[in-house]
Amino acid sequence: MSHTLGARQAQKQKTRRALLDAALELLEGQSLSSLGLREVTRAAGVAPTAFYRHFRSTADLGVALVEEALGSLHPMIRTTVSAAGDSEERIARAVGLIAGHVDAYPAHVRFIARERHGGVRPVREAVREQLARFAGEVGEALAGDPVSAGWSEDDRLMLAQLYVDQMLVTASLFLEALEADADPRERERVTRLATRQLRLIGIGRRHWLDGPAGGGRSAP
């Protein structure tokens, strides 16, 4: 009996995986708002009725893709932030991590870049909620960094959001270079730009409390 249940569960997971993979592949060339249920099931090789055993709608499927895509980005976000100090070696490692992730998961990066401001509201909200959760976790991590001593919680969260946004922007730029099959110099340009941007954030972070403009405390 347990073997039968295990086989059914395995088949259920296989079908769900096929639907997610089919949708992700179809979304290479279109937005989620234009994706049809039958189009997904045909690509996945399952009956349309099977779709509803896993998802309520294509929007629900899109939310599942958000969770999967940002789940794959989560370790990179934390590593990027932890490496985003003023050390050139740490910044280079962070930028390299982003570039490598785009090379490994271009479809996931493309999906988030497109649907973050797309036309399917539940998916937009899911992206926003996931990124807010990331920013909150990064803000907590920054609280333990000596550079953040004296910062208010609001300012740490602002910095965390800046790091998360910067990671997404950099990933999008690397994706554009990858999709265009551009001259290697374009990838090098993105690398230089991302490095300078992280360096600028690091400089600003170190001097945030130096004067009245700093939000954490007033200058003596």
N, C-alpha and C. Protein backbone atom coordinates (compact mmCIF):
# COMPACT_ATOMS: atom_id res chain seq x y z
N MET A 1 0.83 -1.21 0.00
CA MET A 1 0.00 0.00 0.00
C MET A 1 0.86 1.26 0.00
N SER A 2 1.87 1.26 0.88
CA SER A 2 2.75 2.43 0.96
C SER A 2 3.53 2.61 -0.34
N HIS A 3 3.87 1.48 -0.98
CA HIS A 3 4.58 1.56 -2.27
C HIS A 3 3.71 2.22 -3.33
N THR A 4 2.41 1.87 -3.32
CA THR A 4 1.47 2.46 -4.28
C THR A 4 1.33 3.95 -4.05
N LEU A 5 1.20 4.34 -2.78
CA LEU A 5 1.08 5.77 -2.45
C LEU A 5 2.35 6.52 -2.85
N GLY A 6 3.50 5.87 -2.63
CA GLY A 6 4.75 6.50 -3.00
C GLY A 6 4.87 6.69 -4.50
N ALA A 7 4.39 5.71 -5.26
CA ALA A 7 4.44 5.81 -6.72
C ALA A 7 3.51 6.91 -7.22
N ARG A 8 2.33 7.01 -6.59
CA ARG A 8 1.40 8.06 -6.98
C ARG A 8 1.96 9.44 -6.67
N GLN A 9 2.58 9.56 -5.51
CA GLN A 9 3.17 10.85 -5.13
C GLN A 9 4.29 11.23 -6.09
N ALA A 10 5.09 10.25 -6.46
CA ALA A 10 6.18 10.50 -7.40
C ALA A 10 5.65 10.95 -8.75
N GLN A 11 4.57 10.30 -9.21
CA GLN A 11 3.97 10.68 -10.49
C GLN A 11 3.38 12.08 -10.41
N LYS A 12 2.78 12.40 -9.26
CA LYS A 12 2.20 13.73 -9.07
C LYS A 12 3.29 14.81 -9.13
N GLN A 13 4.41 14.54 -8.47
CA GLN A 13 5.51 15.49 -8.49
C GLN A 13 6.11 15.60 -9.89
N LYS A 14 6.13 14.49 -10.62
CA LYS A 14 6.66 14.51 -11.99
C LYS A 14 5.78 15.37 -12.89
N THR A 15 4.46 15.25 -12.73
CA THR A 15 3.54 16.05 -13.54
C THR A 15 3.66 17.53 -13.20
N ARG A 16 3.75 17.83 -11.93
CA ARG A 16 3.91 19.23 -11.50
C ARG A 16 5.19 19.81 -12.08
N ARG A 17 6.27 19.02 -12.01
CA ARG A 17 7.55 19.47 -12.55
C ARG A 17 7.45 19.72 -14.05
N ALA A 18 6.74 18.84 -14.75
CA ALA A 18 6.58 18.98 -16.20
C ALA A 18 5.82 20.26 -16.53
N LEU A 19 4.80 20.58 -15.75
CA LEU A 19 4.02 21.80 -15.98
C LEU A 19 4.86 23.05 -15.74
N LEU A 20 5.64 23.04 -14.66
CA LEU A 20 6.50 24.20 -14.36
C LEU A 20 7.56 24.38 -15.44
N ASP A 21 8.18 23.28 -15.85
CA ASP A 21 9.23 23.35 -16.87
C ASP A 21 8.66 23.82 -18.21
N ALA A 22 7.48 23.31 -18.56
CA ALA A 22 6.85 23.71 -19.82
C ALA A 22 6.51 25.18 -19.81
N ALA A 23 5.95 25.66 -18.70
CA ALA A 23 5.60 27.08 -18.59
C ALA A 23 6.84 27.95 -18.67
N LEU A 24 7.90 27.56 -17.98
CA LEU A 24 9.12 28.36 -17.98
C LEU A 24 9.71 28.44 -19.39
N GLU A 25 9.65 27.34 -20.12
CA GLU A 25 10.17 27.34 -21.49
C GLU A 25 9.30 28.22 -22.40
N LEU A 26 7.98 28.13 -22.25
CA LEU A 26 7.08 28.95 -23.07
C LEU A 26 7.25 30.43 -22.74
N LEU A 27 7.58 30.73 -21.49
CA LEU A 27 7.73 32.13 -21.08
C LEU A 27 9.04 32.75 -21.54
N GLU A 28 9.85 31.95 -22.22
CA GLU A 28 11.06 32.51 -22.82
C GLU A 28 10.70 33.58 -23.84
N GLY A 29 9.54 33.39 -24.50
CA GLY A 29 9.20 34.32 -25.58
C GLY A 29 7.90 35.06 -25.40
N GLN A 30 7.29 34.99 -24.23
CA GLN A 30 6.04 35.70 -23.99
C GLN A 30 5.85 35.98 -22.51
N SER A 31 4.87 36.82 -22.21
CA SER A 31 4.59 37.15 -20.81
C SER A 31 3.58 36.17 -20.25
N LEU A 32 3.50 36.11 -18.94
CA LEU A 32 2.57 35.19 -18.29
C LEU A 32 1.12 35.55 -18.62
N SER A 33 0.83 36.82 -18.79
CA SER A 33 -0.55 37.25 -19.06
C SER A 33 -1.08 36.69 -20.38
N SER A 34 -0.19 36.33 -21.29
CA SER A 34 -0.62 35.79 -22.59
C SER A 34 -0.53 34.27 -22.65
N LEU A 35 -0.11 33.65 -21.55
CA LEU A 35 0.09 32.20 -21.54
C LEU A 35 -1.24 31.48 -21.29
N GLY A 36 -1.56 30.51 -22.14
CA GLY A 36 -2.80 29.77 -22.01
C GLY A 36 -2.60 28.44 -21.31
N LEU A 37 -3.62 28.02 -20.57
CA LEU A 37 -3.57 26.75 -19.84
C LEU A 37 -3.34 25.58 -20.78
N ARG A 38 -4.10 25.53 -21.88
CA ARG A 38 -3.95 24.42 -22.83
C ARG A 38 -2.57 24.43 -23.49
N GLU A 39 -2.04 25.60 -23.68
CA GLU A 39 -0.70 25.72 -24.25
C GLU A 39 0.32 25.06 -23.32
N VAL A 40 0.16 25.28 -22.03
CA VAL A 40 1.08 24.70 -21.05
C VAL A 40 0.93 23.19 -20.98
N THR A 41 -0.32 22.72 -20.89
CA THR A 41 -0.53 21.27 -20.77
C THR A 41 -0.09 20.53 -22.03
N ARG A 42 -0.29 21.14 -23.18
CA ARG A 42 0.16 20.51 -24.43
C ARG A 42 1.69 20.38 -24.43
N ALA A 43 2.37 21.42 -24.01
CA ALA A 43 3.83 21.39 -23.97
C ALA A 43 4.34 20.40 -22.93
N ALA A 44 3.56 20.25 -21.84
CA ALA A 44 3.97 19.33 -20.77
C ALA A 44 3.60 17.88 -21.09
N GLY A 45 2.72 17.70 -22.08
CA GLY A 45 2.30 16.35 -22.45
C GLY A 45 1.30 15.74 -21.50
N VAL A 46 0.45 16.59 -20.89
CA VAL A 46 -0.57 16.08 -19.97
C VAL A 46 -1.94 16.63 -20.39
N ALA A 47 -3.00 16.01 -19.89
CA ALA A 47 -4.35 16.45 -20.20
C ALA A 47 -4.65 17.76 -19.49
N PRO A 48 -5.45 18.64 -20.09
CA PRO A 48 -5.80 19.92 -19.44
C PRO A 48 -6.38 19.73 -18.04
N THR A 49 -7.16 18.67 -17.83
CA THR A 49 -7.74 18.45 -16.51
C THR A 49 -6.67 18.21 -15.44
N ALA A 50 -5.51 17.68 -15.85
CA ALA A 50 -4.43 17.41 -14.90
C ALA A 50 -3.87 18.70 -14.31
N PHE A 51 -4.00 19.77 -15.06
CA PHE A 51 -3.47 21.06 -14.59
C PHE A 51 -4.09 21.44 -13.25
N TYR A 52 -5.40 21.24 -13.13
CA TYR A 52 -6.12 21.69 -11.94
C TYR A 52 -5.86 20.83 -10.71
N ARG A 53 -5.16 19.76 -10.87
CA ARG A 53 -4.75 18.97 -9.70
C ARG A 53 -3.53 19.60 -9.03
N HIS A 54 -2.94 20.58 -9.72
CA HIS A 54 -1.72 21.19 -9.20
C HIS A 54 -1.84 22.71 -9.02
N PHE A 55 -2.58 23.36 -9.91
CA PHE A 55 -2.69 24.82 -9.88
C PHE A 55 -4.13 25.24 -10.15
N ARG A 56 -4.53 26.34 -9.51
CA ARG A 56 -5.89 26.85 -9.71
C ARG A 56 -6.01 27.60 -11.03
N SER A 57 -4.91 28.19 -11.48
CA SER A 57 -4.92 29.03 -12.68
C SER A 57 -3.49 29.23 -13.14
N THR A 58 -3.33 29.88 -14.29
CA THR A 58 -1.96 30.19 -14.74
C THR A 58 -1.30 31.19 -13.81
N ALA A 59 -2.10 32.06 -13.18
CA ALA A 59 -1.54 32.99 -12.19
C ALA A 59 -0.96 32.22 -11.00
N ASP A 60 -1.68 31.19 -10.56
CA ASP A 60 -1.20 30.35 -9.47
C ASP A 60 0.08 29.63 -9.86
N LEU A 61 0.14 29.17 -11.09
CA LEU A 61 1.37 28.56 -11.61
C LEU A 61 2.50 29.58 -11.60
N GLY A 62 2.17 30.82 -11.99
CA GLY A 62 3.18 31.88 -11.99
C GLY A 62 3.74 32.15 -10.61
N VAL A 63 2.88 32.13 -9.59
CA VAL A 63 3.34 32.33 -8.22
C VAL A 63 4.30 31.21 -7.82
N ALA A 64 3.98 29.98 -8.23
CA ALA A 64 4.88 28.85 -7.94
C ALA A 64 6.23 29.06 -8.62
N LEU A 65 6.22 29.59 -9.83
CA LEU A 65 7.48 29.87 -10.52
C LEU A 65 8.27 30.97 -9.82
N VAL A 66 7.57 31.96 -9.26
CA VAL A 66 8.25 33.00 -8.49
C VAL A 66 8.98 32.39 -7.31
N GLU A 67 8.28 31.52 -6.58
CA GLU A 67 8.88 30.88 -5.41
C GLU A 67 10.10 30.06 -5.81
N GLU A 68 10.00 29.37 -6.94
CA GLU A 68 11.12 28.57 -7.41
C GLU A 68 12.28 29.44 -7.88
N ALA A 69 11.96 30.46 -8.68
CA ALA A 69 13.01 31.31 -9.24
C ALA A 69 13.74 32.09 -8.16
N LEU A 70 13.00 32.68 -7.23
CA LEU A 70 13.64 33.46 -6.19
C LEU A 70 14.26 32.56 -5.12
N GLY A 71 13.75 31.33 -5.03
CA GLY A 71 14.41 30.39 -4.14
C GLY A 71 15.82 30.09 -4.63
N SER A 72 15.98 30.02 -5.94
CA SER A 72 17.31 29.78 -6.50
C SER A 72 18.21 31.00 -6.37
N LEU A 73 17.58 32.19 -6.30
CA LEU A 73 18.36 33.42 -6.16
C LEU A 73 18.74 33.71 -4.72
N HIS A 74 18.00 33.12 -3.78
CA HIS A 74 18.17 33.47 -2.38
C HIS A 74 19.60 33.30 -1.86
N PRO A 75 20.24 32.16 -2.08
CA PRO A 75 21.62 32.03 -1.59
C PRO A 75 22.55 33.06 -2.21
N MET A 76 22.32 33.39 -3.49
CA MET A 76 23.19 34.35 -4.15
C MET A 76 23.03 35.74 -3.56
N ILE A 77 21.78 36.12 -3.23
CA ILE A 77 21.54 37.44 -2.65
C ILE A 77 22.30 37.59 -1.35
N ARG A 78 22.19 36.60 -0.48
CA ARG A 78 22.87 36.68 0.82
C ARG A 78 24.38 36.68 0.65
N THR A 79 24.88 35.86 -0.28
CA THR A 79 26.32 35.82 -0.50
C THR A 79 26.81 37.12 -1.09
N THR A 80 26.03 37.69 -2.02
CA THR A 80 26.41 38.96 -2.64
C THR A 80 26.51 40.06 -1.60
N VAL A 81 25.53 40.13 -0.71
CA VAL A 81 25.53 41.17 0.32
C VAL A 81 26.68 40.97 1.29
N SER A 82 26.90 39.73 1.69
CA SER A 82 27.97 39.47 2.65
C SER A 82 29.34 39.78 2.04
N ALA A 83 29.41 39.73 0.70
CA ALA A 83 30.68 39.99 0.02
C ALA A 83 30.80 41.43 -0.47
N ALA A 84 29.79 42.25 -0.17
CA ALA A 84 29.76 43.58 -0.78
C ALA A 84 30.41 44.65 0.09
N GLY A 85 31.53 44.32 0.71
CA GLY A 85 32.25 45.30 1.48
C GLY A 85 33.16 46.12 0.58
N ASP A 86 34.19 46.72 1.16
CA ASP A 86 35.04 47.59 0.36
C ASP A 86 36.24 46.84 -0.22
N SER A 87 36.35 45.55 0.03
CA SER A 87 37.44 44.77 -0.52
C SER A 87 37.19 44.50 -1.99
N GLU A 88 38.16 44.81 -2.82
CA GLU A 88 38.01 44.59 -4.26
C GLU A 88 37.82 43.11 -4.57
N GLU A 89 38.50 42.26 -3.80
CA GLU A 89 38.38 40.83 -4.03
C GLU A 89 36.95 40.36 -3.71
N ARG A 90 36.37 40.87 -2.64
CA ARG A 90 35.01 40.47 -2.25
C ARG A 90 33.98 40.98 -3.26
N ILE A 91 34.19 42.19 -3.75
CA ILE A 91 33.27 42.73 -4.75
C ILE A 91 33.36 41.93 -6.05
N ALA A 92 34.57 41.60 -6.46
CA ALA A 92 34.76 40.81 -7.68
C ALA A 92 34.09 39.45 -7.54
N ARG A 93 34.18 38.86 -6.35
CA ARG A 93 33.55 37.56 -6.13
C ARG A 93 32.03 37.69 -6.21
N ALA A 94 31.48 38.78 -5.65
CA ALA A 94 30.03 38.99 -5.69
C ALA A 94 29.54 39.14 -7.12
N VAL A 95 30.23 39.96 -7.91
CA VAL A 95 29.82 40.17 -9.31
C VAL A 95 29.95 38.86 -10.09
N GLY A 96 31.00 38.10 -9.82
CA GLY A 96 31.17 36.82 -10.49
C GLY A 96 30.06 35.84 -10.15
N LEU A 97 29.59 35.88 -8.91
CA LEU A 97 28.48 35.03 -8.50
C LEU A 97 27.21 35.35 -9.28
N ILE A 98 26.95 36.64 -9.45
CA ILE A 98 25.75 37.06 -10.18
C ILE A 98 25.85 36.61 -11.64
N ALA A 99 26.99 36.86 -12.25
CA ALA A 99 27.18 36.46 -13.65
C ALA A 99 27.03 34.95 -13.81
N GLY A 100 27.61 34.19 -12.90
CA GLY A 100 27.52 32.74 -12.97
C GLY A 100 26.09 32.24 -12.79
N HIS A 101 25.33 32.91 -11.92
CA HIS A 101 23.94 32.50 -11.71
C HIS A 101 23.11 32.76 -12.96
N VAL A 102 23.35 33.88 -13.61
CA VAL A 102 22.63 34.18 -14.85
C VAL A 102 22.96 33.15 -15.92
N ASP A 103 24.22 32.76 -16.01
CA ASP A 103 24.62 31.74 -16.98
C ASP A 103 23.92 30.40 -16.70
N ALA A 104 23.75 30.08 -15.41
CA ALA A 104 23.17 28.79 -15.04
C ALA A 104 21.64 28.78 -15.09
N TYR A 105 21.00 29.92 -14.78
CA TYR A 105 19.54 29.97 -14.68
C TYR A 105 18.96 31.15 -15.46
N PRO A 106 19.25 31.26 -16.75
CA PRO A 106 18.77 32.43 -17.50
C PRO A 106 17.25 32.53 -17.55
N ALA A 107 16.57 31.39 -17.64
CA ALA A 107 15.10 31.42 -17.74
C ALA A 107 14.47 31.96 -16.46
N HIS A 108 15.01 31.58 -15.32
CA HIS A 108 14.49 32.08 -14.05
C HIS A 108 14.72 33.59 -13.91
N VAL A 109 15.91 34.02 -14.28
CA VAL A 109 16.23 35.45 -14.19
C VAL A 109 15.34 36.25 -15.13
N ARG A 110 15.15 35.73 -16.33
CA ARG A 110 14.30 36.42 -17.32
C ARG A 110 12.85 36.51 -16.83
N PHE A 111 12.36 35.43 -16.24
CA PHE A 111 10.99 35.40 -15.74
C PHE A 111 10.78 36.47 -14.67
N ILE A 112 11.68 36.56 -13.71
CA ILE A 112 11.55 37.55 -12.63
C ILE A 112 11.69 38.96 -13.19
N ALA A 113 12.64 39.17 -14.08
CA ALA A 113 12.84 40.51 -14.65
C ALA A 113 11.60 40.99 -15.39
N ARG A 114 10.92 40.08 -16.09
CA ARG A 114 9.74 40.46 -16.86
C ARG A 114 8.51 40.59 -15.98
N GLU A 115 8.29 39.63 -15.09
CA GLU A 115 7.04 39.59 -14.34
C GLU A 115 7.05 40.46 -13.09
N ARG A 116 8.22 40.95 -12.70
CA ARG A 116 8.28 41.83 -11.53
C ARG A 116 7.38 43.04 -11.71
N HIS A 117 7.27 43.52 -12.94
CA HIS A 117 6.40 44.66 -13.23
C HIS A 117 5.40 44.27 -14.32
N GLY A 118 5.06 42.98 -14.39
CA GLY A 118 4.17 42.49 -15.43
C GLY A 118 2.70 42.72 -15.13
N GLY A 119 1.86 42.10 -15.97
CA GLY A 119 0.43 42.37 -15.90
C GLY A 119 -0.39 41.42 -15.05
N VAL A 120 0.26 40.46 -14.37
CA VAL A 120 -0.47 39.51 -13.53
C VAL A 120 -0.25 39.90 -12.07
N ARG A 121 -1.28 40.44 -11.48
CA ARG A 121 -1.14 41.03 -10.15
C ARG A 121 -0.65 40.05 -9.07
N PRO A 122 -1.22 38.84 -8.95
CA PRO A 122 -0.73 37.92 -7.91
C PRO A 122 0.77 37.63 -8.04
N VAL A 123 1.24 37.59 -9.28
CA VAL A 123 2.66 37.31 -9.50
C VAL A 123 3.51 38.52 -9.10
N ARG A 124 3.07 39.71 -9.48
CA ARG A 124 3.78 40.92 -9.05
C ARG A 124 3.87 40.98 -7.53
N GLU A 125 2.75 40.68 -6.88
CA GLU A 125 2.73 40.73 -5.42
C GLU A 125 3.63 39.66 -4.81
N ALA A 126 3.67 38.48 -5.44
CA ALA A 126 4.53 37.42 -4.95
C ALA A 126 6.01 37.81 -5.06
N VAL A 127 6.38 38.44 -6.17
CA VAL A 127 7.75 38.91 -6.34
C VAL A 127 8.07 39.96 -5.28
N ARG A 128 7.16 40.91 -5.10
CA ARG A 128 7.39 41.97 -4.11
C ARG A 128 7.53 41.40 -2.70
N GLU A 129 6.69 40.44 -2.35
CA GLU A 129 6.76 39.85 -1.01
C GLU A 129 8.06 39.09 -0.80
N GLN A 130 8.48 38.34 -1.81
CA GLN A 130 9.73 37.59 -1.70
C GLN A 130 10.93 38.54 -1.55
N LEU A 131 10.95 39.60 -2.35
CA LEU A 131 12.07 40.54 -2.27
C LEU A 131 12.07 41.29 -0.95
N ALA A 132 10.89 41.59 -0.43
CA ALA A 132 10.80 42.25 0.88
C ALA A 132 11.33 41.32 1.97
N ARG A 133 11.03 40.04 1.84
CA ARG A 133 11.54 39.08 2.82
C ARG A 133 13.06 39.00 2.75
N PHE A 134 13.59 38.98 1.52
CA PHE A 134 15.04 38.98 1.36
C PHE A 134 15.66 40.21 2.02
N ALA A 135 15.07 41.37 1.74
CA ALA A 135 15.61 42.62 2.28
C ALA A 135 15.59 42.59 3.80
N GLY A 136 14.51 42.05 4.38
CA GLY A 136 14.44 41.97 5.83
C GLY A 136 15.54 41.10 6.41
N GLU A 137 15.79 39.97 5.76
CA GLU A 137 16.84 39.07 6.24
C GLU A 137 18.22 39.69 6.08
N VAL A 138 18.42 40.38 4.96
CA VAL A 138 19.71 41.05 4.74
C VAL A 138 19.90 42.16 5.76
N GLY A 139 18.81 42.91 6.06
CA GLY A 139 18.89 43.96 7.06
C GLY A 139 19.31 43.42 8.41
N GLU A 140 18.80 42.25 8.77
CA GLU A 140 19.19 41.63 10.03
C GLU A 140 20.67 41.26 10.01
N ALA A 141 21.13 40.76 8.87
CA ALA A 141 22.54 40.40 8.75
C ALA A 141 23.44 41.64 8.85
N LEU A 142 22.98 42.74 8.26
CA LEU A 142 23.77 43.98 8.31
C LEU A 142 23.87 44.53 9.72
N ALA A 143 22.88 44.22 10.56
CA ALA A 143 22.89 44.74 11.94
C ALA A 143 24.10 44.24 12.71
N GLY A 144 24.61 43.06 12.34
CA GLY A 144 25.76 42.51 13.03
C GLY A 144 27.09 42.95 12.46
N ASP A 145 27.06 43.76 11.42
CA ASP A 145 28.30 44.24 10.79
C ASP A 145 28.76 45.51 11.48
N PRO A 146 30.03 45.59 11.90
CA PRO A 146 30.54 46.79 12.59
C PRO A 146 30.34 48.08 11.78
N VAL A 147 30.34 47.97 10.44
CA VAL A 147 30.16 49.17 9.62
C VAL A 147 28.77 49.77 9.84
N SER A 148 27.81 48.94 10.26
CA SER A 148 26.44 49.41 10.46
C SER A 148 26.17 49.86 11.89
N ALA A 149 27.20 49.92 12.72
CA ALA A 149 27.01 50.34 14.11
C ALA A 149 26.45 51.76 14.15
N GLY A 150 25.40 51.96 14.92
CA GLY A 150 24.79 53.27 15.05
C GLY A 150 23.70 53.54 14.04
N TRP A 151 23.48 52.63 13.10
CA TRP A 151 22.43 52.82 12.10
C TRP A 151 21.07 52.50 12.70
N SER A 152 20.06 53.20 12.25
CA SER A 152 18.69 52.88 12.65
C SER A 152 18.22 51.65 11.87
N GLU A 153 17.18 51.01 12.37
CA GLU A 153 16.63 49.85 11.68
C GLU A 153 16.12 50.23 10.29
N ASP A 154 15.50 51.41 10.17
CA ASP A 154 15.00 51.86 8.87
C ASP A 154 16.13 52.04 7.87
N ASP A 155 17.26 52.58 8.34
CA ASP A 155 18.38 52.79 7.44
C ASP A 155 19.02 51.47 7.01
N ARG A 156 19.09 50.52 7.93
CA ARG A 156 19.63 49.20 7.56
C ARG A 156 18.74 48.55 6.52
N LEU A 157 17.42 48.69 6.68
CA LEU A 157 16.50 48.11 5.70
C LEU A 157 16.64 48.81 4.36
N MET A 158 16.83 50.13 4.39
CA MET A 158 17.03 50.88 3.14
C MET A 158 18.27 50.36 2.41
N LEU A 159 19.35 50.14 3.16
CA LEU A 159 20.58 49.63 2.55
C LEU A 159 20.37 48.21 2.02
N ALA A 160 19.66 47.40 2.78
CA ALA A 160 19.38 46.03 2.34
C ALA A 160 18.60 46.03 1.04
N GLN A 161 17.60 46.88 0.94
CA GLN A 161 16.81 46.97 -0.29
C GLN A 161 17.67 47.43 -1.46
N LEU A 162 18.61 48.33 -1.16
CA LEU A 162 19.51 48.81 -2.20
C LEU A 162 20.39 47.68 -2.73
N TYR A 163 20.90 46.85 -1.84
CA TYR A 163 21.71 45.71 -2.27
C TYR A 163 20.89 44.73 -3.11
N VAL A 164 19.67 44.43 -2.66
CA VAL A 164 18.83 43.49 -3.39
C VAL A 164 18.48 44.03 -4.78
N ASP A 165 18.10 45.31 -4.82
CA ASP A 165 17.79 45.93 -6.11
C ASP A 165 19.00 45.93 -7.04
N GLN A 166 20.16 46.21 -6.47
CA GLN A 166 21.38 46.25 -7.28
C GLN A 166 21.69 44.87 -7.86
N MET A 167 21.47 43.83 -7.07
CA MET A 167 21.69 42.48 -7.56
C MET A 167 20.78 42.18 -8.74
N LEU A 168 19.49 42.57 -8.64
CA LEU A 168 18.55 42.30 -9.72
C LEU A 168 18.90 43.08 -10.98
N VAL A 169 19.30 44.34 -10.81
CA VAL A 169 19.70 45.16 -11.96
C VAL A 169 20.91 44.54 -12.65
N THR A 170 21.89 44.14 -11.86
CA THR A 170 23.10 43.54 -12.42
C THR A 170 22.78 42.23 -13.14
N ALA A 171 21.92 41.42 -12.55
CA ALA A 171 21.53 40.16 -13.19
C ALA A 171 20.85 40.43 -14.53
N SER A 172 19.99 41.45 -14.58
CA SER A 172 19.30 41.79 -15.82
C SER A 172 20.29 42.23 -16.90
N LEU A 173 21.30 42.99 -16.50
CA LEU A 173 22.30 43.45 -17.47
C LEU A 173 23.13 42.29 -18.01
N PHE A 174 23.49 41.36 -17.13
CA PHE A 174 24.22 40.18 -17.60
C PHE A 174 23.34 39.34 -18.53
N LEU A 175 22.04 39.28 -18.23
CA LEU A 175 21.12 38.53 -19.07
C LEU A 175 21.03 39.14 -20.46
N GLU A 176 20.96 40.46 -20.53
CA GLU A 176 20.91 41.15 -21.82
C GLU A 176 22.16 40.84 -22.64
N ALA A 177 23.30 40.85 -21.98
CA ALA A 177 24.54 40.54 -22.69
C ALA A 177 24.54 39.10 -23.18
N LEU A 178 23.98 38.19 -22.38
CA LEU A 178 23.92 36.78 -22.76
C LEU A 178 22.96 36.56 -23.92
N GLU A 179 21.79 37.21 -23.87
CA GLU A 179 20.77 37.02 -24.90
C GLU A 179 21.20 37.59 -26.24
N ALA A 180 21.92 38.69 -26.20
CA ALA A 180 22.35 39.35 -27.43
C ALA A 180 23.51 38.62 -28.09
N ASP A 181 24.05 37.62 -27.36
CA ASP A 181 25.23 36.93 -27.87
C ASP A 181 26.28 37.97 -28.26
N ALA A 182 26.41 38.93 -27.36
CA ALA A 182 27.21 40.11 -27.65
C ALA A 182 28.70 39.82 -27.64
N ASP A 183 29.42 40.79 -28.11
CA ASP A 183 30.87 40.78 -28.02
C ASP A 183 31.25 40.62 -26.55
N PRO A 184 32.27 39.82 -26.25
CA PRO A 184 32.71 39.65 -24.86
C PRO A 184 32.97 40.96 -24.15
N ARG A 185 33.23 42.01 -24.92
CA ARG A 185 33.49 43.31 -24.30
C ARG A 185 32.24 43.86 -23.62
N GLU A 186 31.05 43.45 -24.09
CA GLU A 186 29.82 43.90 -23.45
C GLU A 186 29.70 43.29 -22.06
N ARG A 187 30.02 42.02 -21.93
CA ARG A 187 30.01 41.38 -20.62
C ARG A 187 31.04 42.03 -19.70
N GLU A 188 32.17 42.35 -20.26
CA GLU A 188 33.20 43.03 -19.47
C GLU A 188 32.72 44.40 -19.02
N ARG A 189 31.96 45.09 -19.88
CA ARG A 189 31.43 46.40 -19.52
C ARG A 189 30.46 46.28 -18.35
N VAL A 190 29.59 45.26 -18.40
CA VAL A 190 28.65 45.04 -17.31
C VAL A 190 29.41 44.73 -16.02
N THR A 191 30.45 43.92 -16.13
CA THR A 191 31.25 43.58 -14.95
C THR A 191 31.87 44.82 -14.33
N ARG A 192 32.42 45.69 -15.16
CA ARG A 192 33.04 46.92 -14.65
C ARG A 192 32.00 47.82 -14.00
N LEU A 193 30.84 47.95 -14.65
CA LEU A 193 29.79 48.81 -14.12
C LEU A 193 29.29 48.29 -12.77
N ALA A 194 29.02 47.00 -12.69
CA ALA A 194 28.54 46.41 -11.44
C ALA A 194 29.56 46.56 -10.33
N THR A 195 30.83 46.40 -10.67
CA THR A 195 31.89 46.55 -9.68
C THR A 195 31.93 47.97 -9.14
N ARG A 196 31.83 48.94 -10.03
CA ARG A 196 31.86 50.34 -9.60
C ARG A 196 30.64 50.69 -8.77
N GLN A 197 29.49 50.13 -9.13
CA GLN A 197 28.27 50.43 -8.38
C GLN A 197 28.34 49.86 -6.97
N LEU A 198 28.83 48.64 -6.83
CA LEU A 198 28.98 48.07 -5.49
C LEU A 198 30.03 48.83 -4.69
N ARG A 199 31.08 49.28 -5.36
CA ARG A 199 32.10 50.08 -4.68
C ARG A 199 31.50 51.39 -4.17
N LEU A 200 30.66 52.01 -5.00
CA LEU A 200 30.01 53.26 -4.61
C LEU A 200 29.09 53.06 -3.41
N ILE A 201 28.31 51.97 -3.43
CA ILE A 201 27.43 51.68 -2.30
C ILE A 201 28.27 51.49 -1.03
N GLY A 202 29.39 50.78 -1.15
CA GLY A 202 30.25 50.56 0.00
C GLY A 202 30.82 51.86 0.56
N ILE A 203 31.24 52.77 -0.33
CA ILE A 203 31.76 54.07 0.13
C ILE A 203 30.68 54.87 0.83
N GLY A 204 29.51 54.90 0.21
CA GLY A 204 28.40 55.62 0.83
C GLY A 204 28.02 55.05 2.17
N ARG A 205 28.05 53.74 2.27
CA ARG A 205 27.71 53.09 3.53
C ARG A 205 28.66 53.49 4.66
N ARG A 206 29.95 53.52 4.34
CA ARG A 206 30.94 53.86 5.38
C ARG A 206 30.81 55.29 5.86
N HIS A 207 30.27 56.16 5.01
CA HIS A 207 30.21 57.58 5.37
C HIS A 207 28.80 58.08 5.64
N TRP A 208 27.84 57.16 5.73
CA TRP A 208 26.44 57.55 5.91
C TRP A 208 26.22 58.39 7.18
N LEU A 209 26.95 58.11 8.24
CA LEU A 209 26.73 58.79 9.51
C LEU A 209 27.67 59.97 9.73
N ASP A 210 28.40 60.35 8.68
CA ASP A 210 29.40 61.40 8.85
C ASP A 210 28.81 62.78 9.05
N GLY A 211 27.57 63.02 8.54
CA GLY A 211 27.02 64.36 8.61
C GLY A 211 25.52 64.35 8.82
N PRO A 212 24.89 65.53 8.80
CA PRO A 212 23.43 65.64 9.02
C PRO A 212 22.61 64.83 8.04
N ALA A 213 23.14 64.54 6.84
CA ALA A 213 22.38 63.77 5.87
C ALA A 213 22.18 62.33 6.30
N GLY A 214 23.08 61.83 7.16
CA GLY A 214 22.96 60.45 7.62
C GLY A 214 21.72 60.27 8.45
N GLY A 215 21.03 59.17 8.20
CA GLY A 215 19.76 58.95 8.89
C GLY A 215 19.88 58.30 10.24
N GLY A 216 21.05 57.68 10.54
CA GLY A 216 21.14 56.93 11.78
C GLY A 216 21.34 57.80 13.00
N ARG A 217 22.18 58.85 12.89
CA ARG A 217 22.42 59.74 14.01
C ARG A 217 22.97 61.04 13.48
N SER A 218 22.92 62.07 14.25
CA SER A 218 23.42 63.39 13.83
C SER A 218 24.90 63.48 14.08
N ALA A 219 25.54 64.33 13.31
CA ALA A 219 26.96 64.55 13.49
C ALA A 219 27.18 65.28 14.80
N PRO A 220 28.29 65.03 15.50
CA PRO A 220 28.55 65.73 16.77
C PRO A 220 28.77 67.21 16.55
